Amino acid sequence: MEAEKITGLLENQLTCNMITPLFFSWGGKLMIERKVIIRNQAGIHCRPSSMILMAAQEFQGCTFKVSSKNGDSDLTSILSLISLGLERGSEVTVTADGPSEDAAMEKIAGLFAFEFDFPRE
């Protein structure tokens, strides 16, 4: 009965979100994960990287991992994030773990999907 409740809640959440969270266990701990497409015209360069890292620091006790086809970053170093070479259209997987992981995921995933640069004329 309990498993049916959890399955029902997850199915309901999966149909309500545009960016679907995935839940998985690593070492017995539950984490959340989302796939995000980079929409910024110039990709994730210095300015967006700085904003993403500052946002990650707001969530004390949370750890993050960003994975792409070019590698991984734990969002503690601007150079590790910039070195991923994330261009417009790239897909990243963002993982969050910690006491406020839901709010953290909303903010961090939202920043990866945000259009920071002004449109070109």
PDB file of N, CA and C in Angstrom:
ATOM      1  N   MET A   1       0.822  -1.196   0.000  1.00  0.00           N
ATOM      2  CA  MET A   1       0.000   0.000   0.000  1.00  0.00           C
ATOM      3  C   MET A   1       0.870   1.264   0.000  1.00  0.00           C
ATOM      4  N   GLU A   2       1.921   1.286   0.844  1.00  0.00           N
ATOM      5  CA  GLU A   2       2.800   2.443   0.920  1.00  0.00           C
ATOM      6  C   GLU A   2       3.516   2.681  -0.418  1.00  0.00           C
ATOM      7  N   ALA A   3       3.946   1.608  -1.069  1.00  0.00           N
ATOM      8  CA  ALA A   3       4.629   1.736  -2.361  1.00  0.00           C
ATOM      9  C   ALA A   3       3.692   2.329  -3.406  1.00  0.00           C
ATOM     10  N   GLU A   4       2.404   1.982  -3.359  1.00  0.00           N
ATOM     11  CA  GLU A   4       1.431   2.526  -4.303  1.00  0.00           C
ATOM     12  C   GLU A   4       1.265   4.033  -4.101  1.00  0.00           C
ATOM     13  N   LYS A   5       1.278   4.491  -2.832  1.00  0.00           N
ATOM     14  CA  LYS A   5       1.171   5.925  -2.547  1.00  0.00           C
ATOM     15  C   LYS A   5       2.368   6.676  -3.119  1.00  0.00           C
ATOM     16  N   ILE A   6       3.565   6.132  -2.883  1.00  0.00           N
ATOM     17  CA  ILE A   6       4.780   6.783  -3.375  1.00  0.00           C
ATOM     18  C   ILE A   6       4.782   6.813  -4.891  1.00  0.00           C
ATOM     19  N   THR A   7       4.425   5.696  -5.527  1.00  0.00           N
ATOM     20  CA  THR A   7       4.376   5.632  -6.989  1.00  0.00           C
ATOM     21  C   THR A   7       3.379   6.656  -7.527  1.00  0.00           C
ATOM     22  N   GLY A   8       2.219   6.762  -6.898  1.00  0.00           N
ATOM     23  CA  GLY A   8       1.207   7.726  -7.318  1.00  0.00           C
ATOM     24  C   GLY A   8       1.691   9.155  -7.197  1.00  0.00           C
ATOM     25  N   LEU A   9       2.384   9.470  -6.097  1.00  0.00           N
ATOM     26  CA  LEU A   9       2.920  10.816  -5.910  1.00  0.00           C
ATOM     27  C   LEU A   9       3.966  11.130  -6.962  1.00  0.00           C
ATOM     28  N   LEU A  10       4.847  10.184  -7.252  1.00  0.00           N
ATOM     29  CA  LEU A  10       5.887  10.403  -8.253  1.00  0.00           C
ATOM     30  C   LEU A  10       5.280  10.575  -9.637  1.00  0.00           C
ATOM     31  N   GLU A  11       4.288   9.756  -9.982  1.00  0.00           N
ATOM     32  CA  GLU A  11       3.647   9.882 -11.294  1.00  0.00           C
ATOM     33  C   GLU A  11       2.976  11.228 -11.420  1.00  0.00           C
ATOM     34  N   ASN A  12       2.321  11.697 -10.362  1.00  0.00           N
ATOM     35  CA  ASN A  12       1.662  12.998 -10.383  1.00  0.00           C
ATOM     36  C   ASN A  12       2.698  14.108 -10.564  1.00  0.00           C
ATOM     37  N   GLN A  13       3.807  14.023  -9.841  1.00  0.00           N
ATOM     38  CA  GLN A  13       4.844  15.047  -9.956  1.00  0.00           C
ATOM     39  C   GLN A  13       5.475  15.029 -11.346  1.00  0.00           C
ATOM     40  N   LEU A  14       5.680  13.855 -11.916  1.00  0.00           N
ATOM     41  CA  LEU A  14       6.301  13.762 -13.231  1.00  0.00           C
ATOM     42  C   LEU A  14       5.448  14.399 -14.306  1.00  0.00           C
ATOM     43  N   THR A  15       4.133  14.336 -14.159  1.00  0.00           N
ATOM     44  CA  THR A  15       3.261  14.918 -15.174  1.00  0.00           C
ATOM     45  C   THR A  15       3.070  16.414 -14.974  1.00  0.00           C
ATOM     46  N   CYS A  16       3.419  16.952 -13.793  1.00  0.00           N
ATOM     47  CA  CYS A  16       3.198  18.369 -13.509  1.00  0.00           C
ATOM     48  C   CYS A  16       4.389  19.247 -13.831  1.00  0.00           C
ATOM     49  N   ASN A  17       5.574  18.687 -13.987  1.00  0.00           N
ATOM     50  CA  ASN A  17       6.779  19.492 -14.174  1.00  0.00           C
ATOM     51  C   ASN A  17       7.281  19.423 -15.603  1.00  0.00           C
ATOM     52  N   MET A  18       7.687  20.593 -16.136  1.00  0.00           N
ATOM     53  CA  MET A  18       8.272  20.612 -17.473  1.00  0.00           C
ATOM     54  C   MET A  18       9.667  20.011 -17.449  1.00  0.00           C
ATOM     55  N   ILE A  19      10.463  20.373 -16.445  1.00  0.00           N
ATOM     56  CA  ILE A  19      11.776  19.767 -16.262  1.00  0.00           C
ATOM     57  C   ILE A  19      11.588  18.709 -15.186  1.00  0.00           C
ATOM     58  N   THR A  20      11.652  17.467 -15.567  1.00  0.00           N
ATOM     59  CA  THR A  20      11.266  16.372 -14.702  1.00  0.00           C
ATOM     60  C   THR A  20      12.363  16.016 -13.708  1.00  0.00           C
ATOM     61  N   PRO A  21      12.041  16.041 -12.411  1.00  0.00           N
ATOM     62  CA  PRO A  21      13.033  15.591 -11.448  1.00  0.00           C
ATOM     63  C   PRO A  21      13.074  14.067 -11.408  1.00  0.00           C
ATOM     64  N   LEU A  22      14.249  13.545 -11.249  1.00  0.00           N
ATOM     65  CA  LEU A  22      14.425  12.118 -11.061  1.00  0.00           C
ATOM     66  C   LEU A  22      14.962  11.914  -9.658  1.00  0.00           C
ATOM     67  N   PHE A  23      14.508  10.890  -8.983  1.00  0.00           N
ATOM     68  CA  PHE A  23      14.963  10.605  -7.642  1.00  0.00           C
ATOM     69  C   PHE A  23      15.771   9.321  -7.686  1.00  0.00           C
ATOM     70  N   PHE A  24      16.917   9.325  -7.040  1.00  0.00           N
ATOM     71  CA  PHE A  24      17.705   8.116  -6.983  1.00  0.00           C
ATOM     72  C   PHE A  24      18.475   8.078  -5.684  1.00  0.00           C
ATOM     73  N   SER A  25      18.971   6.929  -5.357  1.00  0.00           N
ATOM     74  CA  SER A  25      19.686   6.729  -4.109  1.00  0.00           C
ATOM     75  C   SER A  25      21.160   6.503  -4.392  1.00  0.00           C
ATOM     76  N   TRP A  26      21.997   7.163  -3.622  1.00  0.00           N
ATOM     77  CA  TRP A  26      23.441   6.983  -3.724  1.00  0.00           C
ATOM     78  C   TRP A  26      23.932   6.743  -2.312  1.00  0.00           C
ATOM     79  N   GLY A  27      24.367   5.543  -2.033  1.00  0.00           N
ATOM     80  CA  GLY A  27      24.824   5.230  -0.681  1.00  0.00           C
ATOM     81  C   GLY A  27      23.721   5.326   0.348  1.00  0.00           C
ATOM     82  N   GLY A  28      22.487   5.020  -0.050  1.00  0.00           N
ATOM     83  CA  GLY A  28      21.366   5.057   0.866  1.00  0.00           C
ATOM     84  C   GLY A  28      20.723   6.424   1.023  1.00  0.00           C
ATOM     85  N   LYS A  29      21.255   7.451   0.386  1.00  0.00           N
ATOM     86  CA  LYS A  29      20.694   8.799   0.476  1.00  0.00           C
ATOM     87  C   LYS A  29      19.890   9.097  -0.779  1.00  0.00           C
ATOM     88  N   LEU A  30      18.753   9.746  -0.593  1.00  0.00           N
ATOM     89  CA  LEU A  30      17.907  10.121  -1.717  1.00  0.00           C
ATOM     90  C   LEU A  30      18.368  11.468  -2.271  1.00  0.00           C
ATOM     91  N   MET A  31      18.570  11.547  -3.589  1.00  0.00           N
ATOM     92  CA  MET A  31      19.002  12.771  -4.262  1.00  0.00           C
ATOM     93  C   MET A  31      18.027  13.070  -5.386  1.00  0.00           C
ATOM     94  N   ILE A  32      18.075  14.295  -5.895  1.00  0.00           N
ATOM     95  CA  ILE A  32      17.247  14.607  -7.056  1.00  0.00           C
ATOM     96  C   ILE A  32      18.144  15.015  -8.214  1.00  0.00           C
ATOM     97  N   GLU A  33      17.633  14.774  -9.398  1.00  0.00           N
ATOM     98  CA  GLU A  33      18.399  15.001 -10.621  1.00  0.00           C
ATOM     99  C   GLU A  33      17.464  15.533 -11.698  1.00  0.00           C
ATOM    100  N   ARG A  34      17.964  16.473 -12.511  1.00  0.00           N
ATOM    101  CA  ARG A  34      17.189  16.990 -13.645  1.00  0.00           C
ATOM    102  C   ARG A  34      18.081  17.158 -14.855  1.00  0.00           C
ATOM    103  N   LYS A  35      17.494  16.940 -16.000  1.00  0.00           N
ATOM    104  CA  LYS A  35      18.167  17.218 -17.266  1.00  0.00           C
ATOM    105  C   LYS A  35      17.694  18.590 -17.736  1.00  0.00           C
ATOM    106  N   VAL A  36      18.647  19.426 -18.143  1.00  0.00           N
ATOM    107  CA  VAL A  36      18.342  20.800 -18.535  1.00  0.00           C
ATOM    108  C   VAL A  36      19.055  21.103 -19.852  1.00  0.00           C
ATOM    109  N   ILE A  37      18.391  21.821 -20.738  1.00  0.00           N
ATOM    110  CA  ILE A  37      18.987  22.282 -21.986  1.00  0.00           C
ATOM    111  C   ILE A  37      19.442  23.730 -21.806  1.00  0.00           C
ATOM    112  N   ILE A  38      20.687  24.011 -22.176  1.00  0.00           N
ATOM    113  CA  ILE A  38      21.232  25.369 -22.084  1.00  0.00           C
ATOM    114  C   ILE A  38      20.569  26.235 -23.152  1.00  0.00           C
ATOM    115  N   ARG A  39      19.981  27.362 -22.744  1.00  0.00           N
ATOM    116  CA  ARG A  39      19.292  28.236 -23.687  1.00  0.00           C
ATOM    117  C   ARG A  39      20.025  29.548 -23.938  1.00  0.00           C
ATOM    118  N   ASN A  40      20.999  29.880 -23.118  1.00  0.00           N
ATOM    119  CA  ASN A  40      21.714  31.141 -23.283  1.00  0.00           C
ATOM    120  C   ASN A  40      22.415  31.179 -24.635  1.00  0.00           C
ATOM    121  N   GLN A  41      22.264  32.277 -25.356  1.00  0.00           N
ATOM    122  CA  GLN A  41      22.816  32.420 -26.707  1.00  0.00           C
ATOM    123  C   GLN A  41      24.310  32.107 -26.752  1.00  0.00           C
ATOM    124  N   ALA A  42      25.067  32.592 -25.769  1.00  0.00           N
ATOM    125  CA  ALA A  42      26.520  32.401 -25.753  1.00  0.00           C
ATOM    126  C   ALA A  42      26.947  31.238 -24.862  1.00  0.00           C
ATOM    127  N   GLY A  43      26.000  30.425 -24.433  1.00  0.00           N
ATOM    128  CA  GLY A  43      26.333  29.295 -23.577  1.00  0.00           C
ATOM    129  C   GLY A  43      26.603  29.742 -22.147  1.00  0.00           C
ATOM    130  N   ILE A  44      27.223  28.859 -21.386  1.00  0.00           N
ATOM    131  CA  ILE A  44      27.545  29.165 -19.990  1.00  0.00           C
ATOM    132  C   ILE A  44      28.982  29.659 -19.941  1.00  0.00           C
ATOM    133  N   HIS A  45      29.115  30.989 -20.011  1.00  0.00           N
ATOM    134  CA  HIS A  45      30.435  31.625 -19.976  1.00  0.00           C
ATOM    135  C   HIS A  45      30.638  32.232 -18.591  1.00  0.00           C
ATOM    136  N   CYS A  46      31.516  33.201 -18.442  1.00  0.00           N
ATOM    137  CA  CYS A  46      31.876  33.745 -17.121  1.00  0.00           C
ATOM    138  C   CYS A  46      30.693  34.305 -16.320  1.00  0.00           C
ATOM    139  N   ARG A  47      29.886  35.139 -16.947  1.00  0.00           N
ATOM    140  CA  ARG A  47      28.794  35.784 -16.201  1.00  0.00           C
ATOM    141  C   ARG A  47      27.757  34.763 -15.716  1.00  0.00           C
ATOM    142  N   PRO A  48      27.222  33.892 -16.573  1.00  0.00           N
ATOM    143  CA  PRO A  48      26.279  32.898 -16.067  1.00  0.00           C
ATOM    144  C   PRO A  48      26.923  31.943 -15.061  1.00  0.00           C
ATOM    145  N   SER A  49      28.183  31.575 -15.290  1.00  0.00           N
ATOM    146  CA  SER A  49      28.865  30.679 -14.351  1.00  0.00           C
ATOM    147  C   SER A  49      28.947  31.303 -12.971  1.00  0.00           C
ATOM    148  N   SER A  50      29.281  32.586 -12.931  1.00  0.00           N
ATOM    149  CA  SER A  50      29.373  33.294 -11.664  1.00  0.00           C
ATOM    150  C   SER A  50      28.025  33.324 -10.950  1.00  0.00           C
ATOM    151  N   MET A  51      26.959  33.592 -11.684  1.00  0.00           N
ATOM    152  CA  MET A  51      25.626  33.642 -11.082  1.00  0.00           C
ATOM    153  C   MET A  51      25.200  32.267 -10.570  1.00  0.00           C
ATOM    154  N   ILE A  52      25.527  31.216 -11.307  1.00  0.00           N
ATOM    155  CA  ILE A  52      25.171  29.850 -10.903  1.00  0.00           C
ATOM    156  C   ILE A  52      25.930  29.475  -9.622  1.00  0.00           C
ATOM    157  N   LEU A  53      27.224  29.780  -9.564  1.00  0.00           N
ATOM    158  CA  LEU A  53      28.006  29.455  -8.375  1.00  0.00           C
ATOM    159  C   LEU A  53      27.555  30.252  -7.155  1.00  0.00           C
ATOM    160  N   MET A  54      27.210  31.545  -7.348  1.00  0.00           N
ATOM    161  CA  MET A  54      26.697  32.337  -6.223  1.00  0.00           C
ATOM    162  C   MET A  54      25.376  31.760  -5.712  1.00  0.00           C
ATOM    163  N   ALA A  55      24.528  31.306  -6.629  1.00  0.00           N
ATOM    164  CA  ALA A  55      23.250  30.705  -6.218  1.00  0.00           C
ATOM    165  C   ALA A  55      23.492  29.409  -5.457  1.00  0.00           C
ATOM    166  N   ALA A  56      24.456  28.611  -5.899  1.00  0.00           N
ATOM    167  CA  ALA A  56      24.754  27.351  -5.223  1.00  0.00           C
ATOM    168  C   ALA A  56      25.235  27.604  -3.793  1.00  0.00           C
ATOM    169  N   GLN A  57      25.970  28.680  -3.581  1.00  0.00           N
ATOM    170  CA  GLN A  57      26.471  29.002  -2.245  1.00  0.00           C
ATOM    171  C   GLN A  57      25.363  29.419  -1.286  1.00  0.00           C
ATOM    172  N   GLU A  58      24.213  29.809  -1.813  1.00  0.00           N
ATOM    173  CA  GLU A  58      23.077  30.183  -0.966  1.00  0.00           C
ATOM    174  C   GLU A  58      22.503  28.976  -0.226  1.00  0.00           C
ATOM    175  N   PHE A  59      22.757  27.784  -0.714  1.00  0.00           N
ATOM    176  CA  PHE A  59      22.160  26.575  -0.158  1.00  0.00           C
ATOM    177  C   PHE A  59      23.202  25.810   0.643  1.00  0.00           C
ATOM    178  N   GLN A  60      23.451  26.314   1.862  1.00  0.00           N
ATOM    179  CA  GLN A  60      24.414  25.687   2.757  1.00  0.00           C
ATOM    180  C   GLN A  60      23.980  24.258   3.063  1.00  0.00           C
ATOM    181  N   GLY A  61      24.901  23.343   3.005  1.00  0.00           N
ATOM    182  CA  GLY A  61      24.608  21.940   3.285  1.00  0.00           C
ATOM    183  C   GLY A  61      24.201  21.152   2.057  1.00  0.00           C
ATOM    184  N   CYS A  62      23.977  21.828   0.930  1.00  0.00           N
ATOM    185  CA  CYS A  62      23.638  21.130  -0.312  1.00  0.00           C
ATOM    186  C   CYS A  62      24.901  20.925  -1.138  1.00  0.00           C
ATOM    187  N   THR A  63      24.947  19.779  -1.794  1.00  0.00           N
ATOM    188  CA  THR A  63      26.026  19.528  -2.748  1.00  0.00           C
ATOM    189  C   THR A  63      25.407  19.360  -4.118  1.00  0.00           C
ATOM    190  N   PHE A  64      26.161  19.752  -5.135  1.00  0.00           N
ATOM    191  CA  PHE A  64      25.674  19.728  -6.506  1.00  0.00           C
ATOM    192  C   PHE A  64      26.672  18.999  -7.387  1.00  0.00           C
ATOM    193  N   LYS A  65      26.147  18.456  -8.466  1.00  0.00           N
ATOM    194  CA  LYS A  65      26.992  17.896  -9.510  1.00  0.00           C
ATOM    195  C   LYS A  65      26.318  18.232 -10.839  1.00  0.00           C
ATOM    196  N   VAL A  66      27.116  18.747 -11.759  1.00  0.00           N
ATOM    197  CA  VAL A  66      26.637  19.038 -13.103  1.00  0.00           C
ATOM    198  C   VAL A  66      27.426  18.156 -14.048  1.00  0.00           C
ATOM    199  N   SER A  67      26.722  17.366 -14.834  1.00  0.00           N
ATOM    200  CA  SER A  67      27.375  16.450 -15.770  1.00  0.00           C
ATOM    201  C   SER A  67      26.955  16.780 -17.189  1.00  0.00           C
ATOM    202  N   SER A  68      27.933  16.737 -18.085  1.00  0.00           N
ATOM    203  CA  SER A  68      27.669  16.915 -19.510  1.00  0.00           C
ATOM    204  C   SER A  68      28.542  15.932 -20.262  1.00  0.00           C
ATOM    205  N   LYS A  69      28.415  15.936 -21.580  1.00  0.00           N
ATOM    206  CA  LYS A  69      29.249  15.036 -22.380  1.00  0.00           C
ATOM    207  C   LYS A  69      30.723  15.411 -22.274  1.00  0.00           C
ATOM    208  N   ASN A  70      31.003  16.647 -21.803  1.00  0.00           N
ATOM    209  CA  ASN A  70      32.381  17.126 -21.685  1.00  0.00           C
ATOM    210  C   ASN A  70      32.999  16.905 -20.310  1.00  0.00           C
ATOM    211  N   GLY A  71      32.218  16.432 -19.345  1.00  0.00           N
ATOM    212  CA  GLY A  71      32.760  16.203 -18.005  1.00  0.00           C
ATOM    213  C   GLY A  71      31.791  16.603 -16.918  1.00  0.00           C
ATOM    214  N   ASP A  72      32.336  16.778 -15.707  1.00  0.00           N
ATOM    215  CA  ASP A  72      31.530  17.070 -14.520  1.00  0.00           C
ATOM    216  C   ASP A  72      32.080  18.285 -13.782  1.00  0.00           C
ATOM    217  N   SER A  73      31.203  18.945 -13.031  1.00  0.00           N
ATOM    218  CA  SER A  73      31.589  20.032 -12.136  1.00  0.00           C
ATOM    219  C   SER A  73      30.768  19.891 -10.865  1.00  0.00           C
ATOM    220  N   ASP A  74      31.368  20.236  -9.726  1.00  0.00           N
ATOM    221  CA  ASP A  74      30.633  20.181  -8.463  1.00  0.00           C
ATOM    222  C   ASP A  74      30.139  21.558  -8.009  1.00  0.00           C
ATOM    223  N   LEU A  75      30.232  22.532  -8.883  1.00  0.00           N
ATOM    224  CA  LEU A  75      29.775  23.909  -8.638  1.00  0.00           C
ATOM    225  C   LEU A  75      30.483  24.568  -7.455  1.00  0.00           C
ATOM    226  N   THR A  76      31.755  24.209  -7.247  1.00  0.00           N
ATOM    227  CA  THR A  76      32.564  24.906  -6.246  1.00  0.00           C
ATOM    228  C   THR A  76      33.650  25.742  -6.914  1.00  0.00           C
ATOM    229  N   SER A  77      33.854  25.552  -8.209  1.00  0.00           N
ATOM    230  CA  SER A  77      34.906  26.261  -8.930  1.00  0.00           C
ATOM    231  C   SER A  77      34.365  26.788 -10.250  1.00  0.00           C
ATOM    232  N   ILE A  78      34.534  28.094 -10.469  1.00  0.00           N
ATOM    233  CA  ILE A  78      34.072  28.687 -11.721  1.00  0.00           C
ATOM    234  C   ILE A  78      34.825  28.097 -12.908  1.00  0.00           C
ATOM    235  N   LEU A  79      36.110  27.784 -12.713  1.00  0.00           N
ATOM    236  CA  LEU A  79      36.892  27.212 -13.811  1.00  0.00           C
ATOM    237  C   LEU A  79      36.404  25.820 -14.197  1.00  0.00           C
ATOM    238  N   SER A  80      35.992  25.033 -13.208  1.00  0.00           N
ATOM    239  CA  SER A  80      35.502  23.693 -13.548  1.00  0.00           C
ATOM    240  C   SER A  80      34.196  23.770 -14.331  1.00  0.00           C
ATOM    241  N   LEU A  81      33.365  24.772 -14.033  1.00  0.00           N
ATOM    242  CA  LEU A  81      32.102  24.932 -14.758  1.00  0.00           C
ATOM    243  C   LEU A  81      32.355  25.477 -16.166  1.00  0.00           C
ATOM    244  N   ILE A  82      33.188  26.506 -16.284  1.00  0.00           N
ATOM    245  CA  ILE A  82      33.484  27.080 -17.600  1.00  0.00           C
ATOM    246  C   ILE A  82      34.172  26.051 -18.499  1.00  0.00           C
ATOM    247  N   SER A  83      35.024  25.216 -17.902  1.00  0.00           N
ATOM    248  CA  SER A  83      35.778  24.240 -18.698  1.00  0.00           C
ATOM    249  C   SER A  83      34.895  23.161 -19.320  1.00  0.00           C
ATOM    250  N   LEU A  84      33.638  23.069 -18.891  1.00  0.00           N
ATOM    251  CA  LEU A  84      32.722  22.115 -19.521  1.00  0.00           C
ATOM    252  C   LEU A  84      32.359  22.552 -20.939  1.00  0.00           C
ATOM    253  N   GLY A  85      32.580  23.816 -21.268  1.00  0.00           N
ATOM    254  CA  GLY A  85      32.299  24.302 -22.623  1.00  0.00           C
ATOM    255  C   GLY A  85      30.841  24.171 -23.003  1.00  0.00           C
ATOM    256  N   LEU A  86      29.947  24.553 -22.109  1.00  0.00           N
ATOM    257  CA  LEU A  86      28.508  24.383 -22.348  1.00  0.00           C
ATOM    258  C   LEU A  86      27.991  25.443 -23.307  1.00  0.00           C
ATOM    259  N   GLU A  87      27.586  24.998 -24.480  1.00  0.00           N
ATOM    260  CA  GLU A  87      27.060  25.883 -25.508  1.00  0.00           C
ATOM    261  C   GLU A  87      25.544  25.811 -25.539  1.00  0.00           C
ATOM    262  N   ARG A  88      24.949  26.759 -26.227  1.00  0.00           N
ATOM    263  CA  ARG A  88      23.491  26.753 -26.413  1.00  0.00           C
ATOM    264  C   ARG A  88      23.081  25.410 -27.020  1.00  0.00           C
ATOM    265  N   GLY A  89      22.059  24.781 -26.436  1.00  0.00           N
ATOM    266  CA  GLY A  89      21.576  23.498 -26.916  1.00  0.00           C
ATOM    267  C   GLY A  89      22.206  22.309 -26.225  1.00  0.00           C
ATOM    268  N   SER A  90      23.277  22.543 -25.457  1.00  0.00           N
ATOM    269  CA  SER A  90      23.896  21.442 -24.707  1.00  0.00           C
ATOM    270  C   SER A  90      22.934  20.955 -23.632  1.00  0.00           C
ATOM    271  N   GLU A  91      23.000  19.665 -23.350  1.00  0.00           N
ATOM    272  CA  GLU A  91      22.191  19.105 -22.267  1.00  0.00           C
ATOM    273  C   GLU A  91      23.098  18.817 -21.080  1.00  0.00           C
ATOM    274  N   VAL A  92      22.653  19.230 -19.889  1.00  0.00           N
ATOM    275  CA  VAL A  92      23.372  18.922 -18.663  1.00  0.00           C
ATOM    276  C   VAL A  92      22.431  18.189 -17.724  1.00  0.00           C
ATOM    277  N   THR A  93      23.023  17.394 -16.856  1.00  0.00           N
ATOM    278  CA  THR A  93      22.283  16.744 -15.793  1.00  0.00           C
ATOM    279  C   THR A  93      22.737  17.378 -14.488  1.00  0.00           C
ATOM    280  N   VAL A  94      21.801  17.958 -13.758  1.00  0.00           N
ATOM    281  CA  VAL A  94      22.093  18.612 -12.490  1.00  0.00           C
ATOM    282  C   VAL A  94      21.592  17.700 -11.372  1.00  0.00           C
ATOM    283  N   THR A  95      22.463  17.439 -10.403  1.00  0.00           N
ATOM    284  CA  THR A  95      22.119  16.621  -9.247  1.00  0.00           C
ATOM    285  C   THR A  95      22.275  17.471  -7.998  1.00  0.00           C
ATOM    286  N   ALA A  96      21.300  17.392  -7.094  1.00  0.00           N
ATOM    287  CA  ALA A  96      21.356  18.132  -5.833  1.00  0.00           C
ATOM    288  C   ALA A  96      21.083  17.180  -4.683  1.00  0.00           C
ATOM    289  N   ASP A  97      21.796  17.422  -3.593  1.00  0.00           N
ATOM    290  CA  ASP A  97      21.617  16.612  -2.396  1.00  0.00           C
ATOM    291  C   ASP A  97      21.802  17.511  -1.183  1.00  0.00           C
ATOM    292  N   GLY A  98      20.896  17.429  -0.238  1.00  0.00           N
ATOM    293  CA  GLY A  98      21.033  18.220   0.978  1.00  0.00           C
ATOM    294  C   GLY A  98      19.688  18.595   1.552  1.00  0.00           C
ATOM    295  N   PRO A  99      19.724  19.371   2.626  1.00  0.00           N
ATOM    296  CA  PRO A  99      18.487  19.680   3.353  1.00  0.00           C
ATOM    297  C   PRO A  99      17.466  20.495   2.561  1.00  0.00           C
ATOM    298  N   SER A 100      17.901  21.334   1.654  1.00  0.00           N
ATOM    299  CA  SER A 100      16.958  22.144   0.863  1.00  0.00           C
ATOM    300  C   SER A 100      17.129  21.850  -0.624  1.00  0.00           C
ATOM    301  N   GLU A 101      17.296  20.568  -0.953  1.00  0.00           N
ATOM    302  CA  GLU A 101      17.608  20.192  -2.330  1.00  0.00           C
ATOM    303  C   GLU A 101      16.510  20.538  -3.329  1.00  0.00           C
ATOM    304  N   ASP A 102      15.259  20.525  -2.918  1.00  0.00           N
ATOM    305  CA  ASP A 102      14.175  20.863  -3.848  1.00  0.00           C
ATOM    306  C   ASP A 102      14.265  22.330  -4.281  1.00  0.00           C
ATOM    307  N   ALA A 103      14.394  23.227  -3.315  1.00  0.00           N
ATOM    308  CA  ALA A 103      14.514  24.653  -3.636  1.00  0.00           C
ATOM    309  C   ALA A 103      15.810  24.921  -4.392  1.00  0.00           C
ATOM    310  N   ALA A 104      16.872  24.249  -3.971  1.00  0.00           N
ATOM    311  CA  ALA A 104      18.168  24.414  -4.644  1.00  0.00           C
ATOM    312  C   ALA A 104      18.072  23.978  -6.098  1.00  0.00           C
ATOM    313  N   MET A 105      17.421  22.859  -6.345  1.00  0.00           N
ATOM    314  CA  MET A 105      17.291  22.353  -7.714  1.00  0.00           C
ATOM    315  C   MET A 105      16.496  23.326  -8.576  1.00  0.00           C
ATOM    316  N   GLU A 106      15.408  23.862  -8.038  1.00  0.00           N
ATOM    317  CA  GLU A 106      14.607  24.819  -8.796  1.00  0.00           C
ATOM    318  C   GLU A 106      15.462  25.994  -9.250  1.00  0.00           C
ATOM    319  N   LYS A 107      16.251  26.535  -8.327  1.00  0.00           N
ATOM    320  CA  LYS A 107      17.046  27.713  -8.651  1.00  0.00           C
ATOM    321  C   LYS A 107      18.194  27.377  -9.602  1.00  0.00           C
ATOM    322  N   ILE A 108      18.956  26.325  -9.305  1.00  0.00           N
ATOM    323  CA  ILE A 108      20.137  26.001 -10.117  1.00  0.00           C
ATOM    324  C   ILE A 108      19.722  25.547 -11.519  1.00  0.00           C
ATOM    325  N   ALA A 109      18.752  24.654 -11.620  1.00  0.00           N
ATOM    326  CA  ALA A 109      18.290  24.193 -12.937  1.00  0.00           C
ATOM    327  C   ALA A 109      17.709  25.359 -13.730  1.00  0.00           C
ATOM    328  N   GLY A 110      16.995  26.244 -13.038  1.00  0.00           N
ATOM    329  CA  GLY A 110      16.433  27.415 -13.703  1.00  0.00           C
ATOM    330  C   GLY A 110      17.504  28.328 -14.279  1.00  0.00           C
ATOM    331  N   LEU A 111      18.616  28.482 -13.568  1.00  0.00           N
ATOM    332  CA  LEU A 111      19.705  29.328 -14.067  1.00  0.00           C
ATOM    333  C   LEU A 111      20.390  28.707 -15.281  1.00  0.00           C
ATOM    334  N   PHE A 112      20.533  27.385 -15.295  1.00  0.00           N
ATOM    335  CA  PHE A 112      21.123  26.749 -16.470  1.00  0.00           C
ATOM    336  C   PHE A 112      20.228  26.916 -17.693  1.00  0.00           C
ATOM    337  N   ALA A 113      18.913  26.993 -17.481  1.00  0.00           N
ATOM    338  CA  ALA A 113      17.972  27.118 -18.598  1.00  0.00           C
ATOM    339  C   ALA A 113      17.622  28.574 -18.918  1.00  0.00           C
ATOM    340  N   PHE A 114      18.216  29.533 -18.210  1.00  0.00           N
ATOM    341  CA  PHE A 114      17.875  30.945 -18.345  1.00  0.00           C
ATOM    342  C   PHE A 114      18.645  31.601 -19.495  1.00  0.00           C
ATOM    343  N   GLU A 115      18.013  32.552 -20.173  1.00  0.00           N
ATOM    344  CA  GLU A 115      18.660  33.334 -21.238  1.00  0.00           C
ATOM    345  C   GLU A 115      19.245  34.592 -20.597  1.00  0.00           C
ATOM    346  N   PHE A 116      20.552  34.585 -20.320  1.00  0.00           N
ATOM    347  CA  PHE A 116      21.222  35.696 -19.645  1.00  0.00           C
ATOM    348  C   PHE A 116      21.508  36.851 -20.598  1.00  0.00           C
ATOM    349  N   ASP A 117      21.896  36.549 -21.812  1.00  0.00           N
ATOM    350  CA  ASP A 117      22.353  37.567 -22.739  1.00  0.00           C
ATOM    351  C   ASP A 117      21.201  38.248 -23.444  1.00  0.00           C
ATOM    352  N   PHE A 118      21.430  39.501 -23.840  1.00  0.00           N
ATOM    353  CA  PHE A 118      20.426  40.227 -24.607  1.00  0.00           C
ATOM    354  C   PHE A 118      20.321  39.608 -26.007  1.00  0.00           C
ATOM    355  N   PRO A 119      19.125  39.556 -26.557  1.00  0.00           N
ATOM    356  CA  PRO A 119      18.988  39.023 -27.930  1.00  0.00           C
ATOM    357  C   PRO A 119      19.771  39.895 -28.913  1.00  0.00           C
ATOM    358  N   ARG A 120      20.303  39.264 -29.897  1.00  0.00           N
ATOM    359  CA  ARG A 120      21.039  40.004 -30.943  1.00  0.00           C
ATOM    360  C   ARG A 120      20.045  40.668 -31.871  1.00  0.00           C
ATOM    361  N   GLU A 121      20.379  41.875 -32.316  1.00  0.00           N
ATOM    362  CA  GLU A 121      19.481  42.613 -33.201  1.00  0.00           C
ATOM    363  C   GLU A 121      19.702  42.235 -34.639  1.00  0.00           C
TER     364      GLU A 121
END
